[in-house]
Amino acid sequence: MSRVAVVLVDVQRDFLDPTPPSPVGAWQKAFCVPGIQRLLAHARRRGWRIIHVGTKHESPTSLPLHHRDHGAALYCQAGTPGSDFVVTPVSDEIVLFKTWYSAFDSPLGASLEDADTIVWGGIATDCCVQQSAFDADRRGLRSIIPIQAVSASSSGTFSASLTALGKSVAEVVDIDDLLAGEDITNLSIQSSEIGPQAARWFGDQENRLGGTSGLSLDDVLRRLGVPPDD
């Protein structure tokens, strides 16, 4: 069995779609979807383990403490469209749920079995992806983060968080390099180049998106170059 696992974090409607009732969504978080689709196609061909970790809340009492203390509206509520995955898991892929930020708040650890490397995708690099990668490092698991398979709500937070991750706990890579060959080691972007490269890519996606007035999530995904996942 492959020792590489792809773990996708929070690729759900409430996080990508800022229109009501979602209090946590941003169109910019959808920038990762085309890269995730590429990553999944590659992982399925290679036989890598694929795990989708989402957020699901039954009531406001399960929200993170900071959100509860500030009266945040409920998001990713069980049974609502906002909790639906935007990239649909296939039948042999593992689906887990959490209530806190880190993917390890779910039963992820048990699902990794003998994996030694995680390729992360999803959102957000300054929150749940970040917390998850730090937790992976504490567990002795290597983290790889393709720039084009993750996102955040702004270019500044995206670039800064990826730079910090590359400095501390993860190999930040270009997805083209990751998908190009058998060897996924030694692909890291130089630390000084992570921020500028991330900012350029994020800016390119903003240009593709254009104005956001009146858009639906399906419109956003089409502008980014992918149809909605069936």
C-alpha atoms as a PDB file:
ATOM      1  CA  MET A   1       0.000   0.000   0.000  1.00  0.00           C
ATOM      2  CA  SER A   2       1.237   3.505  -0.822  1.00  0.00           C
ATOM      3  CA  ARG A   3       2.647   5.442   2.106  1.00  0.00           C
ATOM      4  CA  VAL A   4       1.379   8.714   0.612  1.00  0.00           C
ATOM      5  CA  ALA A   5      -2.017  10.064   1.650  1.00  0.00           C
ATOM      6  CA  VAL A   6      -3.830  13.007   0.105  1.00  0.00           C
ATOM      7  CA  VAL A   7      -5.868  14.812   2.749  1.00  0.00           C
ATOM      8  CA  LEU A   8      -8.341  17.466   1.619  1.00  0.00           C
ATOM      9  CA  VAL A   9      -9.531  19.887   4.279  1.00  0.00           C
ATOM     10  CA  ASP A  10     -12.860  21.740   4.352  1.00  0.00           C
ATOM     11  CA  VAL A  11     -13.621  21.860   0.624  1.00  0.00           C
ATOM     12  CA  GLN A  12     -17.251  22.621   1.458  1.00  0.00           C
ATOM     13  CA  ARG A  13     -19.806  25.098   0.177  1.00  0.00           C
ATOM     14  CA  ASP A  14     -19.997  27.247   3.311  1.00  0.00           C
ATOM     15  CA  PHE A  15     -16.257  27.928   3.195  1.00  0.00           C
ATOM     16  CA  LEU A  16     -16.145  28.754  -0.517  1.00  0.00           C
ATOM     17  CA  ASP A  17     -19.413  30.660  -0.924  1.00  0.00           C
ATOM     18  CA  PRO A  18     -19.675  34.003   0.929  1.00  0.00           C
ATOM     19  CA  THR A  19     -23.350  34.542   0.142  1.00  0.00           C
ATOM     20  CA  PRO A  20     -25.811  34.221   3.037  1.00  0.00           C
ATOM     21  CA  PRO A  21     -26.205  32.322   5.242  1.00  0.00           C
ATOM     22  CA  SER A  22     -22.476  31.439   5.268  1.00  0.00           C
ATOM     23  CA  PRO A  23     -20.471  33.638   7.677  1.00  0.00           C
ATOM     24  CA  VAL A  24     -17.101  32.073   6.790  1.00  0.00           C
ATOM     25  CA  GLY A  25     -17.038  31.907   2.989  1.00  0.00           C
ATOM     26  CA  ALA A  26     -14.878  33.708   0.434  1.00  0.00           C
ATOM     27  CA  TRP A  27     -14.733  33.275  -3.331  1.00  0.00           C
ATOM     28  CA  GLN A  28     -10.936  33.327  -3.108  1.00  0.00           C
ATOM     29  CA  LYS A  29     -11.035  30.073  -1.148  1.00  0.00           C
ATOM     30  CA  ALA A  30     -12.393  28.424  -4.313  1.00  0.00           C
ATOM     31  CA  PHE A  31      -9.070  29.070  -6.091  1.00  0.00           C
ATOM     32  CA  CYS A  32      -7.839  25.675  -4.886  1.00  0.00           C
ATOM     33  CA  VAL A  33     -10.549  23.604  -6.599  1.00  0.00           C
ATOM     34  CA  PRO A  34      -8.912  23.198 -10.056  1.00  0.00           C
ATOM     35  CA  GLY A  35      -5.642  22.155  -8.412  1.00  0.00           C
ATOM     36  CA  ILE A  36      -7.445  19.728  -6.133  1.00  0.00           C
ATOM     37  CA  GLN A  37      -9.095  18.093  -9.112  1.00  0.00           C
ATOM     38  CA  ARG A  38      -5.684  17.660 -10.756  1.00  0.00           C
ATOM     39  CA  LEU A  39      -4.215  16.313  -7.533  1.00  0.00           C
ATOM     40  CA  LEU A  40      -7.063  13.824  -7.087  1.00  0.00           C
ATOM     41  CA  ALA A  41      -6.781  12.515 -10.653  1.00  0.00           C
ATOM     42  CA  HIS A  42      -3.064  11.927 -10.119  1.00  0.00           C
ATOM     43  CA  ALA A  43      -3.556  10.341  -6.690  1.00  0.00           C
ATOM     44  CA  ARG A  44      -6.208   7.964  -7.996  1.00  0.00           C
ATOM     45  CA  ARG A  45      -3.899   6.809 -10.786  1.00  0.00           C
ATOM     46  CA  ARG A  46      -1.023   6.307  -8.336  1.00  0.00           C
ATOM     47  CA  GLY A  47      -3.116   4.452  -5.759  1.00  0.00           C
ATOM     48  CA  TRP A  48      -2.499   7.041  -3.042  1.00  0.00           C
ATOM     49  CA  ARG A  49      -4.870   7.013  -0.098  1.00  0.00           C
ATOM     50  CA  ILE A  50      -7.421   9.838  -0.339  1.00  0.00           C
ATOM     51  CA  ILE A  51      -9.139  11.286   2.698  1.00  0.00           C
ATOM     52  CA  HIS A  52     -11.714  14.074   2.700  1.00  0.00           C
ATOM     53  CA  VAL A  53     -11.979  15.864   6.046  1.00  0.00           C
ATOM     54  CA  GLY A  54     -14.871  18.251   6.445  1.00  0.00           C
ATOM     55  CA  THR A  55     -16.346  20.372   9.201  1.00  0.00           C
ATOM     56  CA  LYS A  56     -19.763  19.508  10.572  1.00  0.00           C
ATOM     57  CA  HIS A  57     -21.632  21.151  13.435  1.00  0.00           C
ATOM     58  CA  GLU A  58     -24.850  19.913  14.996  1.00  0.00           C
ATOM     59  CA  SER A  59     -25.392  23.141  16.968  1.00  0.00           C
ATOM     60  CA  PRO A  60     -23.553  26.329  17.995  1.00  0.00           C
ATOM     61  CA  THR A  61     -22.193  24.529  21.055  1.00  0.00           C
ATOM     62  CA  SER A  62     -19.672  22.623  18.884  1.00  0.00           C
ATOM     63  CA  LEU A  63     -18.192  25.759  17.295  1.00  0.00           C
ATOM     64  CA  PRO A  64     -14.604  26.622  18.309  1.00  0.00           C
ATOM     65  CA  LEU A  65     -14.485  28.592  21.543  1.00  0.00           C
ATOM     66  CA  HIS A  66     -13.413  31.864  19.904  1.00  0.00           C
ATOM     67  CA  HIS A  67     -16.393  31.692  17.538  1.00  0.00           C
ATOM     68  CA  ARG A  68     -18.786  30.905  20.368  1.00  0.00           C
ATOM     69  CA  ASP A  69     -17.449  33.759  22.470  1.00  0.00           C
ATOM     70  CA  HIS A  70     -17.976  36.192  19.592  1.00  0.00           C
ATOM     71  CA  GLY A  71     -21.445  34.937  18.690  1.00  0.00           C
ATOM     72  CA  ALA A  72     -20.476  33.574  15.271  1.00  0.00           C
ATOM     73  CA  ALA A  73     -23.329  32.232  13.178  1.00  0.00           C
ATOM     74  CA  LEU A  74     -23.487  28.492  12.699  1.00  0.00           C
ATOM     75  CA  TYR A  75     -21.738  27.145   9.583  1.00  0.00           C
ATOM     76  CA  CYS A  76     -21.400  23.702   7.988  1.00  0.00           C
ATOM     77  CA  GLN A  77     -24.466  22.606   9.894  1.00  0.00           C
ATOM     78  CA  ALA A  78     -25.188  18.897   9.544  1.00  0.00           C
ATOM     79  CA  GLY A  79     -27.833  18.186   6.929  1.00  0.00           C
ATOM     80  CA  THR A  80     -27.627  21.590   5.209  1.00  0.00           C
ATOM     81  CA  PRO A  81     -26.268  22.312   1.707  1.00  0.00           C
ATOM     82  CA  GLY A  82     -23.484  24.384   3.272  1.00  0.00           C
ATOM     83  CA  SER A  83     -21.844  21.245   4.643  1.00  0.00           C
ATOM     84  CA  ASP A  84     -21.749  19.554   1.201  1.00  0.00           C
ATOM     85  CA  PHE A  85     -18.362  18.827  -0.354  1.00  0.00           C
ATOM     86  CA  VAL A  86     -17.658  20.813  -3.523  1.00  0.00           C
ATOM     87  CA  VAL A  87     -15.326  18.068  -4.782  1.00  0.00           C
ATOM     88  CA  THR A  88     -17.301  14.867  -4.327  1.00  0.00           C
ATOM     89  CA  PRO A  89     -15.537  11.871  -2.738  1.00  0.00           C
ATOM     90  CA  VAL A  90     -15.748   8.625  -4.699  1.00  0.00           C
ATOM     91  CA  SER A  91     -16.855   5.361  -3.137  1.00  0.00           C
ATOM     92  CA  ASP A  92     -13.478   4.034  -1.949  1.00  0.00           C
ATOM     93  CA  GLU A  93     -12.279   7.317  -0.428  1.00  0.00           C
ATOM     94  CA  ILE A  94     -12.448   8.017   3.290  1.00  0.00           C
ATOM     95  CA  VAL A  95     -14.741  10.784   4.573  1.00  0.00           C
ATOM     96  CA  LEU A  96     -14.250  12.206   8.073  1.00  0.00           C
ATOM     97  CA  PHE A  97     -15.631  15.173   9.992  1.00  0.00           C
ATOM     98  CA  LYS A  98     -14.320  17.514  12.652  1.00  0.00           C
ATOM     99  CA  THR A  99     -15.623  20.428  14.702  1.00  0.00           C
ATOM    100  CA  TRP A 100     -12.302  22.195  15.407  1.00  0.00           C
ATOM    101  CA  TYR A 101      -9.671  23.479  12.964  1.00  0.00           C
ATOM    102  CA  SER A 102      -7.104  20.699  12.641  1.00  0.00           C
ATOM    103  CA  ALA A 103      -7.949  17.706  10.462  1.00  0.00           C
ATOM    104  CA  PHE A 104      -6.652  15.608  13.358  1.00  0.00           C
ATOM    105  CA  ASP A 105      -9.710  16.691  15.351  1.00  0.00           C
ATOM    106  CA  SER A 106     -11.399  13.965  13.258  1.00  0.00           C
ATOM    107  CA  PRO A 107     -10.359  10.269  13.382  1.00  0.00           C
ATOM    108  CA  LEU A 108      -7.697  11.083  10.758  1.00  0.00           C
ATOM    109  CA  GLY A 109      -4.820   9.551  12.708  1.00  0.00           C
ATOM    110  CA  ALA A 110      -6.382   6.093  12.656  1.00  0.00           C
ATOM    111  CA  SER A 111      -7.177   6.417   8.943  1.00  0.00           C
ATOM    112  CA  LEU A 112      -3.567   7.138   7.972  1.00  0.00           C
ATOM    113  CA  GLU A 113      -2.460   3.623   8.948  1.00  0.00           C
ATOM    114  CA  ASP A 114       1.155   3.246   7.723  1.00  0.00           C
ATOM    115  CA  ALA A 115       1.303   6.495   5.737  1.00  0.00           C
ATOM    116  CA  ASP A 116       4.406   8.592   6.269  1.00  0.00           C
ATOM    117  CA  THR A 117       3.635  11.507   3.920  1.00  0.00           C
ATOM    118  CA  ILE A 118       0.570  13.710   3.598  1.00  0.00           C
ATOM    119  CA  VAL A 119      -0.135  15.868   0.563  1.00  0.00           C
ATOM    120  CA  TRP A 120      -2.506  18.573   1.782  1.00  0.00           C
ATOM    121  CA  GLY A 121      -5.196  20.333  -0.224  1.00  0.00           C
ATOM    122  CA  GLY A 122      -8.032  22.640   0.745  1.00  0.00           C
ATOM    123  CA  ILE A 123      -8.534  25.651   2.963  1.00  0.00           C
ATOM    124  CA  ALA A 124      -7.341  27.699   4.549  1.00  0.00           C
ATOM    125  CA  THR A 125      -3.573  27.971   4.631  1.00  0.00           C
ATOM    126  CA  ASP A 126      -3.776  30.442   7.516  1.00  0.00           C
ATOM    127  CA  CYS A 127      -6.164  28.298   9.565  1.00  0.00           C
ATOM    128  CA  CYS A 128      -7.206  24.655   9.137  1.00  0.00           C
ATOM    129  CA  VAL A 129      -4.479  23.588   6.692  1.00  0.00           C
ATOM    130  CA  GLN A 130      -1.924  25.305   8.889  1.00  0.00           C
ATOM    131  CA  GLN A 131      -3.162  23.686  12.101  1.00  0.00           C
ATOM    132  CA  SER A 132      -3.298  20.299  10.378  1.00  0.00           C
ATOM    133  CA  ALA A 133       0.262  20.484   9.050  1.00  0.00           C
ATOM    134  CA  PHE A 134       1.629  21.464  12.451  1.00  0.00           C
ATOM    135  CA  ASP A 135      -0.240  18.544  14.023  1.00  0.00           C
ATOM    136  CA  ALA A 136       1.131  16.199  11.354  1.00  0.00           C
ATOM    137  CA  ASP A 137       4.670  17.274  12.181  1.00  0.00           C
ATOM    138  CA  ARG A 138       4.115  16.468  15.862  1.00  0.00           C
ATOM    139  CA  ARG A 139       3.048  12.988  14.777  1.00  0.00           C
ATOM    140  CA  GLY A 140       6.155  12.443  12.684  1.00  0.00           C
ATOM    141  CA  LEU A 141       4.349  12.761   9.364  1.00  0.00           C
ATOM    142  CA  ARG A 142       5.906  14.600   6.441  1.00  0.00           C
ATOM    143  CA  SER A 143       3.726  17.309   4.861  1.00  0.00           C
ATOM    144  CA  ILE A 144       3.728  18.444   1.233  1.00  0.00           C
ATOM    145  CA  ILE A 145       1.618  21.442   0.251  1.00  0.00           C
ATOM    146  CA  PRO A 146       1.116  22.233  -3.456  1.00  0.00           C
ATOM    147  CA  ILE A 147       0.516  25.980  -3.787  1.00  0.00           C
ATOM    148  CA  GLN A 148      -2.220  25.493  -6.373  1.00  0.00           C
ATOM    149  CA  ALA A 149      -4.244  22.987  -4.292  1.00  0.00           C
ATOM    150  CA  VAL A 150      -4.747  25.229  -1.259  1.00  0.00           C
ATOM    151  CA  SER A 151      -6.086  28.724  -0.753  1.00  0.00           C
ATOM    152  CA  ALA A 152      -7.088  31.452   1.698  1.00  0.00           C
ATOM    153  CA  SER A 153      -9.300  34.504   1.669  1.00  0.00           C
ATOM    154  CA  SER A 154      -6.604  37.020   0.674  1.00  0.00           C
ATOM    155  CA  SER A 155      -3.276  37.117  -1.111  1.00  0.00           C
ATOM    156  CA  GLY A 156      -1.444  38.488   1.915  1.00  0.00           C
ATOM    157  CA  THR A 157      -2.569  35.775   4.313  1.00  0.00           C
ATOM    158  CA  PHE A 158      -2.040  33.108   1.642  1.00  0.00           C
ATOM    159  CA  SER A 159       1.543  34.114   0.926  1.00  0.00           C
ATOM    160  CA  ALA A 160       2.517  34.706   4.539  1.00  0.00           C
ATOM    161  CA  SER A 161       1.035  31.452   5.823  1.00  0.00           C
ATOM    162  CA  LEU A 162       2.660  29.350   3.107  1.00  0.00           C
ATOM    163  CA  THR A 163       5.999  31.000   3.841  1.00  0.00           C
ATOM    164  CA  ALA A 164       5.598  30.160   7.528  1.00  0.00           C
ATOM    165  CA  LEU A 165       4.579  26.591   6.748  1.00  0.00           C
ATOM    166  CA  GLY A 166       7.553  26.134   4.441  1.00  0.00           C
ATOM    167  CA  LYS A 167       9.860  27.459   7.141  1.00  0.00           C
ATOM    168  CA  SER A 168       8.507  25.268   9.925  1.00  0.00           C
ATOM    169  CA  VAL A 169       6.666  22.074   9.036  1.00  0.00           C
ATOM    170  CA  ALA A 170       6.027  21.494   5.328  1.00  0.00           C
ATOM    171  CA  GLU A 171       7.506  21.244   1.869  1.00  0.00           C
ATOM    172  CA  VAL A 172       5.736  23.880  -0.192  1.00  0.00           C
ATOM    173  CA  VAL A 173       5.825  22.847  -3.856  1.00  0.00           C
ATOM    174  CA  ASP A 174       4.525  23.695  -7.295  1.00  0.00           C
ATOM    175  CA  ILE A 175       1.813  21.252  -8.302  1.00  0.00           C
ATOM    176  CA  ASP A 176       3.358  20.747 -11.747  1.00  0.00           C
ATOM    177  CA  ASP A 177       6.539  19.452 -10.105  1.00  0.00           C
ATOM    178  CA  LEU A 178       4.564  17.185  -7.787  1.00  0.00           C
ATOM    179  CA  LEU A 179       2.613  15.610 -10.642  1.00  0.00           C
ATOM    180  CA  ALA A 180       5.527  15.358 -13.052  1.00  0.00           C
ATOM    181  CA  GLY A 181       7.288  12.229 -11.842  1.00  0.00           C
ATOM    182  CA  GLU A 182       7.549   9.283  -9.501  1.00  0.00           C
ATOM    183  CA  ASP A 183       9.834  10.936  -6.960  1.00  0.00           C
ATOM    184  CA  ILE A 184       8.013  13.454  -4.768  1.00  0.00           C
ATOM    185  CA  THR A 185      11.041  14.255  -2.606  1.00  0.00           C
ATOM    186  CA  ASN A 186      13.252  17.327  -2.875  1.00  0.00           C
ATOM    187  CA  LEU A 187      10.626  19.432  -4.643  1.00  0.00           C
ATOM    188  CA  SER A 188      10.513  22.271  -2.129  1.00  0.00           C
ATOM    189  CA  ILE A 189      10.406  25.834  -3.377  1.00  0.00           C
ATOM    190  CA  GLN A 190      13.171  27.912  -1.809  1.00  0.00           C
ATOM    191  CA  SER A 191      11.917  29.701   1.291  1.00  0.00           C
ATOM    192  CA  SER A 192      12.571  33.152  -0.146  1.00  0.00           C
ATOM    193  CA  GLU A 193      10.534  32.294  -3.250  1.00  0.00           C
ATOM    194  CA  ILE A 194       7.442  30.822  -1.594  1.00  0.00           C
ATOM    195  CA  GLY A 195       5.763  34.159  -0.835  1.00  0.00           C
ATOM    196  CA  PRO A 196       6.377  35.773  -4.251  1.00  0.00           C
ATOM    197  CA  GLN A 197       5.340  32.621  -6.143  1.00  0.00           C
ATOM    198  CA  ALA A 198       2.203  32.221  -4.031  1.00  0.00           C
ATOM    199  CA  ALA A 199       1.282  35.878  -4.527  1.00  0.00           C
ATOM    200  CA  ARG A 200       1.725  35.633  -8.307  1.00  0.00           C
ATOM    201  CA  TRP A 201      -0.464  32.559  -8.520  1.00  0.00           C
ATOM    202  CA  PHE A 202      -3.136  34.073  -6.278  1.00  0.00           C
ATOM    203  CA  GLY A 203      -3.147  37.231  -8.391  1.00  0.00           C
ATOM    204  CA  ASP A 204      -3.562  35.182 -11.563  1.00  0.00           C
ATOM    205  CA  GLN A 205      -6.645  33.536 -10.064  1.00  0.00           C
ATOM    206  CA  GLU A 206      -8.094  36.898  -9.040  1.00  0.00           C
ATOM    207  CA  ASN A 207      -7.682  38.063 -12.637  1.00  0.00           C
ATOM    208  CA  ARG A 208      -9.475  34.963 -13.906  1.00  0.00           C
ATOM    209  CA  LEU A 209     -12.285  35.503 -11.441  1.00  0.00           C
ATOM    210  CA  GLY A 210     -12.788  39.164 -12.298  1.00  0.00           C
ATOM    211  CA  GLY A 211     -15.668  40.925 -10.564  1.00  0.00           C
ATOM    212  CA  THR A 212     -17.702  38.929  -8.066  1.00  0.00           C
ATOM    213  CA  SER A 213     -21.003  40.802  -8.049  1.00  0.00           C
ATOM    214  CA  GLY A 214     -23.969  38.463  -8.399  1.00  0.00           C
ATOM    215  CA  LEU A 215     -21.884  35.310  -8.839  1.00  0.00           C
ATOM    216  CA  SER A 216     -22.911  31.860  -7.701  1.00  0.00           C
ATOM    217  CA  LEU A 217     -20.391  29.228  -6.684  1.00  0.00           C
ATOM    218  CA  ASP A 218     -20.998  27.447  -9.990  1.00  0.00           C
ATOM    219  CA  ASP A 219     -20.179  30.709 -11.823  1.00  0.00           C
ATOM    220  CA  VAL A 220     -16.957  31.073  -9.848  1.00  0.00           C
ATOM    221  CA  LEU A 221     -15.837  27.536 -10.614  1.00  0.00           C
ATOM    222  CA  ARG A 222     -16.510  28.016 -14.319  1.00  0.00           C
ATOM    223  CA  ARG A 223     -14.473  31.223 -14.360  1.00  0.00           C
ATOM    224  CA  LEU A 224     -11.644  29.382 -12.665  1.00  0.00           C
ATOM    225  CA  GLY A 225     -11.683  26.816 -15.444  1.00  0.00           C
ATOM    226  CA  VAL A 226     -13.590  23.887 -13.980  1.00  0.00           C
ATOM    227  CA  PRO A 227     -17.249  22.917 -14.088  1.00  0.00           C
ATOM    228  CA  PRO A 228     -19.041  22.150 -10.836  1.00  0.00           C
ATOM    229  CA  ASP A 229     -18.211  18.670  -9.555  1.00  0.00           C
ATOM    230  CA  ASP A 230     -20.920  16.133 -10.366  1.00  0.00           C
END
